[in-house]
Protein backbone atom coordinates (compact mmCIF):
# COMPACT_ATOMS: atom_id res chain seq x y z
CA MET A 1 46.50 33.47 61.12
CA VAL A 2 48.28 30.22 62.01
CA SER A 3 46.45 26.92 61.51
CA LEU A 4 46.63 24.53 64.46
CA ASP A 5 45.44 21.59 62.39
CA PRO A 6 48.16 19.15 61.31
CA PRO A 7 48.69 18.96 57.56
CA PRO A 8 46.81 16.17 55.78
CA PRO A 9 48.73 13.01 54.89
CA GLU A 10 50.58 13.26 51.57
CA SER A 11 48.25 10.70 49.95
CA LEU A 12 45.12 12.85 50.41
CA ALA A 13 44.00 15.15 47.62
CA PRO A 14 43.29 18.79 48.54
CA GLY A 15 39.94 19.02 50.33
CA GLU A 16 39.83 15.27 51.03
CA ILE A 17 39.37 14.06 54.59
CA GLU A 18 40.14 10.60 55.92
CA LEU A 19 37.66 8.92 58.26
CA SER A 20 39.14 8.26 61.66
CA CYS A 21 38.46 4.61 62.46
CA GLU A 22 39.05 5.08 66.19
CA SER A 23 35.55 5.49 67.57
CA PRO A 24 32.72 3.60 65.90
CA ILE A 25 29.49 3.87 67.88
CA ASP A 26 28.65 0.23 67.17
CA THR A 27 29.85 -2.94 65.47
CA LEU A 28 27.38 -5.02 63.50
CA ALA A 29 27.05 -8.40 61.80
CA THR A 30 25.22 -6.75 58.87
CA PRO A 31 24.15 -3.21 57.94
CA PRO A 32 20.83 -2.11 59.48
CA THR A 33 17.49 -2.50 57.72
CA GLY A 34 16.92 0.42 55.37
CA TYR A 35 20.60 0.74 54.49
CA THR A 36 21.94 -0.08 51.03
CA THR A 37 25.40 -1.56 50.62
CA ALA A 38 27.81 -0.43 47.92
CA LEU A 39 30.79 -2.51 46.77
CA ASP A 40 30.44 -4.66 49.91
CA ALA A 41 32.34 -1.86 51.67
CA VAL A 42 29.94 0.87 52.88
CA ALA A 43 26.24 1.19 53.62
CA LEU A 44 24.05 4.29 53.77
CA ALA A 45 20.41 4.87 54.71
CA THR A 46 18.51 4.99 51.43
CA ALA A 47 15.09 3.51 52.26
CA SER A 48 13.56 6.52 53.99
CA VAL A 49 13.91 10.29 53.88
CA ARG A 50 16.51 11.63 56.30
CA PRO A 51 14.94 14.67 58.03
CA ALA A 52 16.78 17.90 57.20
CA SER A 53 16.82 20.42 60.06
CA PRO A 54 18.38 23.87 60.33
CA SER A 55 22.15 23.54 60.59
CA GLY A 56 24.19 24.37 63.61
CA PRO A 57 27.18 26.68 63.96
CA GLY A 58 30.07 25.59 61.77
CA ASP A 59 27.95 23.61 59.31
CA PRO A 60 28.64 24.77 55.75
CA TYR A 61 25.04 24.82 54.48
CA ASP A 62 21.56 25.68 55.77
CA LEU A 63 20.30 22.15 56.50
CA PHE A 64 21.70 19.12 58.33
CA ALA A 65 20.47 15.52 58.03
CA LYS A 66 21.79 13.13 60.65
CA THR A 67 22.48 9.62 59.40
CA GLY A 68 25.00 6.93 60.16
CA LEU A 69 27.74 5.64 57.93
CA VAL A 70 28.37 1.90 58.12
CA VAL A 71 31.73 0.61 56.86
CA ARG A 72 33.03 -2.91 56.44
CA ALA A 73 36.35 -3.61 58.14
CA ASP A 74 39.44 -3.68 55.96
CA ARG A 75 37.70 -2.30 52.82
CA PRO A 76 39.24 1.00 51.66
CA VAL A 77 36.87 3.21 49.65
CA THR A 78 36.31 6.86 48.79
CA LEU A 79 32.94 8.63 49.00
CA THR A 80 32.29 11.71 46.86
CA VAL A 81 29.28 14.03 46.97
CA PRO A 82 28.39 16.86 44.56
CA PRO A 83 28.96 20.58 45.17
CA ALA A 84 26.46 22.16 47.61
CA VAL A 85 26.64 18.99 49.71
CA ALA A 86 29.16 18.20 52.45
CA VAL A 87 29.57 15.15 54.69
CA ALA A 88 31.18 14.48 58.06
CA TRP A 89 31.23 11.24 60.07
CA GLY A 90 32.91 9.87 63.16
CA THR A 91 35.37 12.02 65.05
CA ASN A 92 35.61 14.11 61.87
CA ARG A 93 32.26 15.74 62.78
CA GLY A 94 32.70 19.41 62.04
CA LYS A 95 35.37 18.71 59.42
CA TRP A 96 33.15 18.88 56.38
CA THR A 97 34.21 17.54 53.00
CA MET A 98 32.95 16.58 49.56
CA VAL A 99 35.46 13.70 49.42
CA LEU A 100 35.74 11.27 52.34
CA ARG A 101 38.36 8.58 52.19
CA ILE A 102 37.80 5.46 54.29
CA PRO A 103 41.20 3.86 54.82
CA GLY A 104 40.05 0.28 55.40
CA CYS A 105 39.34 0.43 59.11
CA PRO A 106 40.75 -2.55 60.99
CA GLY A 107 38.06 -4.81 62.41
CA THR A 108 37.74 -4.56 66.17
CA ALA A 109 34.87 -6.89 67.01
CA GLY A 110 35.96 -10.00 65.17
CA PRO A 111 34.53 -11.94 62.22
CA ASP A 112 30.98 -12.00 63.61
CA SER A 113 30.74 -8.18 63.52
CA PRO A 114 32.67 -6.98 60.47
CA TRP A 115 30.68 -3.73 60.04
CA MET A 116 31.29 -0.51 62.02
CA ALA A 117 28.81 2.38 62.42
CA PHE A 118 29.84 6.04 62.65
CA PRO A 119 27.61 9.03 63.51
CA GLY A 120 27.40 12.11 61.33
CA GLY A 121 25.51 13.12 58.24
CA PHE A 122 24.95 15.53 55.39
CA SER A 123 24.94 19.32 55.20
CA VAL A 124 22.92 20.59 52.21
CA ARG A 125 21.62 23.89 50.84
CA THR A 126 18.21 22.49 49.96
CA PRO A 127 16.35 19.18 50.43
CA GLN A 128 17.55 16.81 47.72
CA CYS A 129 18.28 13.29 46.61
CA VAL A 130 22.05 13.18 47.20
CA PRO A 131 24.11 10.98 44.87
CA VAL A 132 27.03 9.49 46.79
CA GLU A 133 29.69 7.97 44.56
CA VAL A 134 31.50 5.04 46.17
CA ARG A 135 34.87 4.15 44.63
CA SER A 136 37.18 1.24 45.37
CA GLY A 137 40.05 0.86 42.94
CA THR A 138 38.49 0.90 39.48
CA ARG A 139 35.02 -0.08 40.74
CA ARG A 140 32.32 2.58 41.23
CA GLN A 141 28.76 2.55 42.48
CA THR A 142 26.37 5.40 43.26
CA LEU A 143 23.97 5.37 46.20
CA ARG A 144 21.14 7.91 46.38
CA VAL A 145 20.36 9.21 49.86
CA PRO A 146 17.05 11.06 50.37
CA VAL A 147 17.95 14.18 52.39
CA GLY A 148 14.86 16.18 53.24
CA ARG A 149 12.93 14.75 50.28
CA SER A 150 12.53 11.40 48.56
CA CYS A 151 14.58 10.23 45.62
């Protein structure tokens, strides 16, 4: 079988996917209420349980929890989730990964709206408190996202 997908850029590790910055669903002055910011670069919903529903075709695991990813313009970071969890956001929806690289999306709305929101979420085997490691250079921070159950 021949793959129609273009090969990943040389700088991506095997299994890593890069967020496409092309189509944020919104630009914001600050992350929404209920989101926690990590390394002043990304924000994820951590304040309330994300409902986990049966997954759709093509999802890698049994449950899907829809939640936005909010990224700060021009801040490259990498998100990593544990095995039995996969993430997909933006136009990458359907391209599931355990390692999502955010290239430092260029700001499109100016200095008053430096944050961009992307749709997507988590695919999990069971409800869980998902640790999401956020890395930028040598700095690391872990956010815990309640997917189907509280943390």
